Amino acid sequence: MGTIDAIQLSHKRNAGIADTASNSKPGPVGALLRLWRAYSALASKRRSRLALGELSAEQLKDIGLTEAEARREAAVPFWR
């Protein structure tokens, strides 16, 4: 599991019930909510990857990543 995936999983666990309560909205409201959630998830991943690319070597060592791993993850397109 990648670093970004772990961050996303912990975010979803913290969201808890609020995340599942609005999934059942019918019609255009439900579609807009799903679209907003998809956009929010992509934007969050992008922000995390950009922040990862700005960390120093010491900070990367603290979280258990090499500079090459951080650069590789930061270069991943936002839609992945």
N, C-alpha and C. Protein backbone atom coordinates (compact mmCIF):
# COMPACT_ATOMS: atom_id res chain seq x y z
N MET A 1 0.85 -1.18 0.00
CA MET A 1 0.00 0.00 0.00
C MET A 1 0.89 1.23 0.00
N GLY A 2 0.58 2.17 -0.87
CA GLY A 2 1.36 3.39 -0.97
C GLY A 2 1.02 4.38 0.13
N THR A 3 1.85 5.38 0.27
CA THR A 3 1.66 6.41 1.29
C THR A 3 0.34 7.14 1.10
N ILE A 4 0.05 7.51 -0.14
CA ILE A 4 -1.18 8.25 -0.42
C ILE A 4 -2.40 7.38 -0.11
N ASP A 5 -2.33 6.10 -0.45
CA ASP A 5 -3.44 5.20 -0.14
C ASP A 5 -3.69 5.11 1.36
N ALA A 6 -2.61 5.06 2.13
CA ALA A 6 -2.75 4.99 3.58
C ALA A 6 -3.39 6.26 4.13
N ILE A 7 -3.02 7.40 3.58
CA ILE A 7 -3.61 8.67 4.01
C ILE A 7 -5.09 8.68 3.68
N GLN A 8 -5.44 8.23 2.48
CA GLN A 8 -6.84 8.21 2.07
C GLN A 8 -7.65 7.26 2.94
N LEU A 9 -7.09 6.08 3.26
CA LEU A 9 -7.81 5.13 4.10
C LEU A 9 -8.07 5.71 5.49
N SER A 10 -7.08 6.37 6.07
CA SER A 10 -7.28 6.94 7.40
C SER A 10 -8.30 8.07 7.35
N HIS A 11 -8.32 8.82 6.25
CA HIS A 11 -9.31 9.90 6.10
C HIS A 11 -10.72 9.31 6.04
N LYS A 12 -10.89 8.22 5.30
CA LYS A 12 -12.20 7.60 5.18
C LYS A 12 -12.67 7.03 6.51
N ARG A 13 -11.75 6.46 7.28
CA ARG A 13 -12.13 5.94 8.60
C ARG A 13 -12.60 7.07 9.51
N ASN A 14 -11.93 8.21 9.42
CA ASN A 14 -12.31 9.35 10.26
C ASN A 14 -13.63 9.96 9.83
N ALA A 15 -13.98 9.83 8.55
CA ALA A 15 -15.25 10.39 8.05
C ALA A 15 -16.43 9.62 8.64
N GLY A 16 -16.27 8.32 8.81
CA GLY A 16 -17.28 7.50 9.48
C GLY A 16 -18.65 7.53 8.88
N ILE A 17 -19.64 7.73 9.71
CA ILE A 17 -21.05 7.65 9.34
C ILE A 17 -21.45 8.74 8.36
N ALA A 18 -20.90 9.91 8.46
CA ALA A 18 -21.28 11.01 7.58
C ALA A 18 -21.06 10.66 6.12
N ASP A 19 -20.04 9.83 5.85
CA ASP A 19 -19.74 9.45 4.48
C ASP A 19 -20.79 8.53 3.90
N THR A 20 -21.36 7.64 4.70
CA THR A 20 -22.32 6.68 4.19
C THR A 20 -23.75 7.20 4.25
N ALA A 21 -24.03 8.17 5.08
CA ALA A 21 -25.40 8.65 5.26
C ALA A 21 -25.94 9.35 4.03
N SER A 22 -25.11 10.03 3.28
CA SER A 22 -25.59 10.79 2.15
C SER A 22 -25.44 10.05 0.82
N ASN A 23 -24.96 8.81 0.85
CA ASN A 23 -24.81 8.05 -0.38
C ASN A 23 -26.14 7.64 -0.98
N SER A 24 -27.21 7.66 -0.21
CA SER A 24 -28.49 7.16 -0.69
C SER A 24 -29.39 8.26 -1.25
N LYS A 25 -28.87 9.45 -1.44
CA LYS A 25 -29.69 10.54 -1.97
C LYS A 25 -30.01 10.26 -3.43
N PRO A 26 -31.29 10.35 -3.80
CA PRO A 26 -31.67 10.05 -5.18
C PRO A 26 -31.49 11.25 -6.11
N GLY A 27 -31.52 10.97 -7.39
CA GLY A 27 -31.57 12.02 -8.40
C GLY A 27 -30.34 12.86 -8.53
N PRO A 28 -30.53 14.09 -8.99
CA PRO A 28 -29.39 14.97 -9.29
C PRO A 28 -28.60 15.36 -8.05
N VAL A 29 -29.25 15.42 -6.90
CA VAL A 29 -28.52 15.78 -5.67
C VAL A 29 -27.49 14.71 -5.35
N GLY A 30 -27.90 13.44 -5.45
CA GLY A 30 -26.97 12.34 -5.20
C GLY A 30 -25.83 12.32 -6.21
N ALA A 31 -26.16 12.61 -7.47
CA ALA A 31 -25.13 12.63 -8.50
C ALA A 31 -24.12 13.75 -8.23
N LEU A 32 -24.63 14.91 -7.83
CA LEU A 32 -23.72 16.03 -7.51
C LEU A 32 -22.85 15.70 -6.31
N LEU A 33 -23.43 15.04 -5.31
CA LEU A 33 -22.64 14.66 -4.13
C LEU A 33 -21.53 13.68 -4.52
N ARG A 34 -21.86 12.70 -5.36
CA ARG A 34 -20.85 11.73 -5.79
C ARG A 34 -19.76 12.43 -6.61
N LEU A 35 -20.16 13.34 -7.48
CA LEU A 35 -19.20 14.09 -8.27
C LEU A 35 -18.29 14.93 -7.38
N TRP A 36 -18.89 15.59 -6.39
CA TRP A 36 -18.11 16.41 -5.46
C TRP A 36 -17.13 15.57 -4.67
N ARG A 37 -17.58 14.40 -4.22
CA ARG A 37 -16.69 13.51 -3.47
C ARG A 37 -15.53 13.03 -4.34
N ALA A 38 -15.82 12.70 -5.58
CA ALA A 38 -14.76 12.25 -6.49
C ALA A 38 -13.75 13.37 -6.71
N TYR A 39 -14.24 14.58 -6.96
CA TYR A 39 -13.36 15.72 -7.14
C TYR A 39 -12.54 15.97 -5.88
N SER A 40 -13.18 15.93 -4.73
CA SER A 40 -12.48 16.17 -3.46
C SER A 40 -11.39 15.14 -3.21
N ALA A 41 -11.67 13.89 -3.54
CA ALA A 41 -10.67 12.84 -3.35
C ALA A 41 -9.47 13.07 -4.27
N LEU A 42 -9.73 13.41 -5.52
CA LEU A 42 -8.64 13.67 -6.46
C LEU A 42 -7.82 14.89 -6.04
N ALA A 43 -8.50 15.94 -5.60
CA ALA A 43 -7.81 17.16 -5.17
C ALA A 43 -6.97 16.89 -3.92
N SER A 44 -7.50 16.08 -3.02
CA SER A 44 -6.77 15.74 -1.80
C SER A 44 -5.51 14.95 -2.12
N LYS A 45 -5.63 13.98 -3.01
CA LYS A 45 -4.45 13.21 -3.42
C LYS A 45 -3.41 14.13 -4.05
N ARG A 46 -3.85 15.03 -4.89
CA ARG A 46 -2.92 15.94 -5.56
C ARG A 46 -2.19 16.83 -4.56
N ARG A 47 -2.94 17.38 -3.60
CA ARG A 47 -2.31 18.21 -2.57
C ARG A 47 -1.30 17.41 -1.75
N SER A 48 -1.64 16.18 -1.42
CA SER A 48 -0.74 15.33 -0.65
C SER A 48 0.53 15.03 -1.43
N ARG A 49 0.38 14.75 -2.71
CA ARG A 49 1.55 14.46 -3.54
C ARG A 49 2.43 15.69 -3.70
N LEU A 50 1.83 16.84 -3.87
CA LEU A 50 2.63 18.07 -3.97
C LEU A 50 3.38 18.33 -2.67
N ALA A 51 2.72 18.12 -1.54
CA ALA A 51 3.37 18.32 -0.24
C ALA A 51 4.51 17.32 -0.05
N LEU A 52 4.30 16.09 -0.50
CA LEU A 52 5.34 15.07 -0.40
C LEU A 52 6.57 15.48 -1.21
N GLY A 53 6.35 16.08 -2.35
CA GLY A 53 7.46 16.52 -3.18
C GLY A 53 8.25 17.66 -2.58
N GLU A 54 7.69 18.36 -1.61
CA GLU A 54 8.37 19.50 -0.99
C GLU A 54 9.10 19.14 0.30
N LEU A 55 8.98 17.90 0.76
CA LEU A 55 9.63 17.51 2.01
C LEU A 55 11.14 17.38 1.84
N SER A 56 11.86 17.71 2.90
CA SER A 56 13.32 17.59 2.87
C SER A 56 13.72 16.13 3.05
N ALA A 57 14.99 15.85 2.82
CA ALA A 57 15.50 14.48 2.98
C ALA A 57 15.30 13.98 4.41
N GLU A 58 15.50 14.86 5.39
CA GLU A 58 15.33 14.48 6.79
C GLU A 58 13.87 14.14 7.10
N GLN A 59 12.96 14.94 6.57
CA GLN A 59 11.54 14.69 6.79
C GLN A 59 11.10 13.39 6.13
N LEU A 60 11.62 13.13 4.94
CA LEU A 60 11.29 11.89 4.26
C LEU A 60 11.81 10.68 5.04
N LYS A 61 13.00 10.83 5.59
CA LYS A 61 13.56 9.75 6.40
C LYS A 61 12.68 9.48 7.62
N ASP A 62 12.14 10.54 8.22
CA ASP A 62 11.26 10.39 9.37
C ASP A 62 10.00 9.57 9.06
N ILE A 63 9.50 9.70 7.83
CA ILE A 63 8.29 8.95 7.49
C ILE A 63 8.60 7.66 6.74
N GLY A 64 9.89 7.34 6.60
CA GLY A 64 10.30 6.06 6.03
C GLY A 64 10.29 6.00 4.52
N LEU A 65 10.53 7.12 3.86
CA LEU A 65 10.58 7.15 2.40
C LEU A 65 11.94 7.66 1.93
N THR A 66 12.35 7.17 0.77
CA THR A 66 13.56 7.70 0.16
C THR A 66 13.17 8.87 -0.75
N GLU A 67 14.16 9.64 -1.15
CA GLU A 67 13.89 10.75 -2.06
C GLU A 67 13.36 10.25 -3.40
N ALA A 68 13.87 9.13 -3.85
CA ALA A 68 13.40 8.57 -5.13
C ALA A 68 11.94 8.16 -5.04
N GLU A 69 11.55 7.53 -3.93
CA GLU A 69 10.15 7.13 -3.75
C GLU A 69 9.23 8.35 -3.71
N ALA A 70 9.68 9.38 -3.02
CA ALA A 70 8.88 10.61 -2.91
C ALA A 70 8.73 11.29 -4.26
N ARG A 71 9.82 11.37 -5.02
CA ARG A 71 9.74 11.97 -6.35
C ARG A 71 8.82 11.17 -7.27
N ARG A 72 8.93 9.85 -7.19
CA ARG A 72 8.09 8.99 -8.02
C ARG A 72 6.61 9.19 -7.68
N GLU A 73 6.28 9.25 -6.41
CA GLU A 73 4.89 9.44 -5.99
C GLU A 73 4.40 10.84 -6.34
N ALA A 74 5.24 11.83 -6.20
CA ALA A 74 4.85 13.21 -6.51
C ALA A 74 4.60 13.40 -8.01
N ALA A 75 5.22 12.56 -8.83
CA ALA A 75 5.07 12.68 -10.28
C ALA A 75 3.82 11.96 -10.81
N VAL A 76 3.14 11.21 -9.98
CA VAL A 76 1.94 10.49 -10.42
C VAL A 76 0.84 11.50 -10.77
N PRO A 77 0.17 11.34 -11.91
CA PRO A 77 -0.90 12.25 -12.29
C PRO A 77 -2.05 12.23 -11.28
N PHE A 78 -2.78 13.31 -11.21
CA PHE A 78 -3.84 13.44 -10.19
C PHE A 78 -4.96 12.43 -10.37
N TRP A 79 -5.16 11.91 -11.56
CA TRP A 79 -6.28 11.00 -11.78
C TRP A 79 -5.96 9.57 -11.38
N ARG A 80 -4.76 9.29 -10.98
CA ARG A 80 -4.40 7.93 -10.53
C ARG A 80 -4.41 7.83 -9.04
